[in-house]
Structure formats: structure tokens, C-alpha cells
Protein backbone atom coordinates (compact mmCIF):
# COMPACT_ATOMS: atom_id res chain seq x y z
CA UNK A 1 -87.37 -199.09 121.80
CA UNK A 2 -85.85 -201.14 119.10
CA UNK A 3 -84.02 -204.37 120.00
CA UNK A 4 -80.78 -203.05 118.48
CA UNK A 5 -81.03 -199.84 120.51
CA UNK A 6 -81.62 -201.84 123.70
CA UNK A 7 -78.55 -203.99 123.02
CA UNK A 8 -76.55 -200.84 122.34
CA UNK A 9 -77.68 -199.23 125.61
CA UNK A 10 -76.78 -202.34 127.61
CA UNK A 11 -73.36 -202.47 125.99
CA UNK A 12 -72.87 -198.76 126.67
CA UNK A 13 -73.79 -199.23 130.33
CA UNK A 14 -71.35 -202.15 130.65
CA UNK A 15 -68.56 -200.16 129.05
CA UNK A 16 -68.55 -197.49 131.78
CA UNK A 17 -66.04 -199.56 133.76
CA UNK A 18 -63.48 -199.71 130.94
CA UNK A 19 -60.06 -198.16 131.52
CA UNK A 20 -56.95 -197.53 129.44
CA UNK A 21 -56.65 -199.24 126.07
CA UNK A 22 -60.01 -200.93 126.41
CA UNK A 23 -61.74 -197.55 126.95
CA UNK A 24 -59.92 -195.98 123.99
CA UNK A 25 -60.83 -198.91 121.75
CA UNK A 26 -64.47 -198.70 122.81
CA UNK A 27 -64.56 -194.95 122.21
CA UNK A 28 -63.14 -195.44 118.71
CA UNK A 29 -65.67 -198.17 117.91
CA UNK A 30 -68.50 -195.93 119.21
CA UNK A 31 -67.32 -193.11 116.93
CA UNK A 32 -67.14 -195.47 113.98
CA UNK A 33 -70.62 -196.82 114.75
CA UNK A 34 -72.07 -193.29 114.87
CA UNK A 35 -70.30 -191.75 111.89
CA UNK A 36 -69.38 -194.71 109.69
CA UNK A 37 -65.71 -193.75 109.53
CA UNK A 38 -62.68 -194.01 111.78
CA UNK A 39 -61.57 -191.11 113.96
CA UNK A 40 -58.49 -189.10 113.03
CA UNK A 41 -55.44 -189.41 115.21
CA UNK A 42 -54.78 -186.58 117.59
CA UNK A 43 -51.99 -184.30 116.41
CA UNK A 44 -48.93 -183.68 118.58
CA UNK A 45 -47.30 -180.24 118.55
CA UNK A 46 -44.03 -180.07 116.58
CA UNK A 47 -41.99 -178.92 119.58
CA UNK A 48 -43.03 -181.99 121.55
CA UNK A 49 -42.27 -184.35 118.63
CA UNK A 50 -38.81 -182.79 118.20
CA UNK A 51 -38.15 -183.22 121.92
CA UNK A 52 -39.30 -186.83 121.83
CA UNK A 53 -36.99 -187.60 118.89
CA UNK A 54 -34.07 -185.84 120.57
CA UNK A 55 -34.64 -187.83 123.77
CA UNK A 56 -34.86 -191.08 121.76
CA UNK A 57 -31.54 -190.29 120.06
CA UNK A 58 -29.93 -189.68 123.46
CA UNK A 59 -31.27 -193.01 124.71
CA UNK A 60 -29.88 -194.80 121.64
CA UNK A 61 -26.48 -193.15 122.08
CA UNK A 62 -26.45 -194.08 125.77
CA UNK A 63 -27.32 -197.70 124.91
CA UNK A 64 -24.56 -197.84 122.28
CA UNK A 65 -22.05 -196.41 124.74
CA UNK A 66 -23.05 -198.89 127.46
CA UNK A 67 -22.74 -201.75 124.98
CA UNK A 68 -19.32 -200.49 123.93
CA UNK A 69 -18.14 -200.04 127.53
CA UNK A 70 -19.37 -203.49 128.57
CA UNK A 71 -17.14 -205.18 125.98
CA UNK A 72 -19.94 -207.33 124.59
CA UNK A 73 -19.52 -208.14 120.91
CA UNK A 74 -22.69 -207.65 118.91
CA UNK A 75 -23.10 -209.19 115.47
CA UNK A 76 -26.15 -207.10 114.66
CA UNK A 77 -25.91 -203.64 113.07
CA UNK A 78 -27.24 -200.70 115.08
CA UNK A 79 -31.05 -200.54 115.10
CA UNK A 80 -31.15 -196.88 114.00
CA UNK A 81 -29.74 -197.66 110.53
CA UNK A 82 -32.21 -200.41 109.68
CA UNK A 83 -34.88 -199.57 107.13
CA UNK A 84 -33.27 -196.31 105.98
CA UNK A 85 -32.23 -195.81 102.38
CA UNK A 86 -29.14 -193.95 101.26
CA UNK A 87 -29.62 -190.73 99.36
CA UNK A 88 -27.71 -190.45 96.10
């Protein structure tokens, strides 16, 4: 065995205990090491994305309503309008 291969095997054995973000990061680095390029992001079905956006809009509306009902004065514009350009 080559020294590099031995180091790689030891690292692979140590990485078996990874969980969550650490495991995902290790998997991505393994893929990049094997192929020389980064992995593509997993696609989410359109129906799920639409539902997620709809739910986010409801949460924003609820937060705005709670802020309005509480009587707290906010000097900042709503977060949903930031970064968007007007169409002519």
C-alpha cells in the first residue's frame, strides 16, 4: 500500500462516527477527491418548493401582524422588500 492510501484509509475509518453537517461535508470532500469536481445539489420537487415559499409568506405575514398588534414602532422596512428591484 502507498502511504497516501494508508492515510486515506485511516481518515475514512475515523470518519465513520461523523453525523449531520460534518458527515455531509466529509461526503462532499470524498466525492471531490474521487472525481475532481464538486457534487451537484440535490433538486427539490417544484410542488415542495412552492409549499415552502407559501409557508414562508404566511410566517412573514404572521410576524408583521404580531408586530402591528404589539404596538412596537419599527424603523426598519419589512425584510421581504429588501434586495428586490422594481420592474418598469
